[in-house]
Amino acid sequence: MNQQNLFLEATTTEESRVVFYRKTYMHVALAVLLFVAVEYVLLQIDPLVNFMLSLTEGYLWLALLGGFWVASTFATNLSYKLDKSAQYAGLFIYVLAEAIIFVPILYFAVNYSSPAVLNQAASLTAFLFIGLSAVAMFSKKDFSFLRSILTIGFFVAIGLIVAGLLFGFNLGLWFSVGMILLAAGSILYQTSQLKNHYQPDQYVGAAVGLFAALMTMFWYILRIFMSRD
């Protein structure tokens, strides 16, 4: 293969990666917009809001978290299927699951916190997401090594959440800070996977992974802002 063909192949590959990145982040943005729209509708349904608020204590909240885990795992698996309709179904199910689990915290944020709290939390989350994504995207470092750390960290977090619900203690500020750090690590890891390991047709699955990390970070930043209000 001559140098001209090598150059054309490298250029084509680079262009396909750029298209892949654009499609991935476009789908993350669409997921966020869909989340906002679905959340707005859900918060207008008083019976649903009351039902979700009734699940925020003890074993019921634990059961709800278990249901969210099942739904999110199912949705994530769908988003990596070869069939595009299955991928988009996975994305929609994941957004819907996030919107449902967010009903209680957003209800309290809207009705019992300062109007600025929600905007401040969303702005800080967006700023951190963009900054961390840029670090992972433009750095030569592969953040795949974070996988085992994140896995252990999230299992420890789940254990603490379960213990807190069962024994009635408040996990407090530092737990939220720890979860934000885990979410930050997840954004670095997911962006690194996006850059180094995903195939060009896996943009929906890549978007779901980034969206999941983004929403985890938003949840705990919002918790911190609400606790200070």
Foldseek 3Di string as FASTA:
>chain_A
DDPVVVVVVVVVVVVLLVVLVVLLVVLLVVLVVVLVVLLVVQLVPVVLLVVLVVQPAFPSVVVLVVVLVVQLVCLLVQLQDPDPVSNVVSSVSNSNSLSSNCSNLVVCCVPPHPPCLLVVLLVVLVVLLVVLLVCLQPDPDQLQVCVVVLVVLVVVLSVVVNCCRHVVDDPDLVSLVSQLVSLSSQSSNLSSCSRPPDDSVSSSSSNSSNSVSSSSNSVSSSVVSRVVD
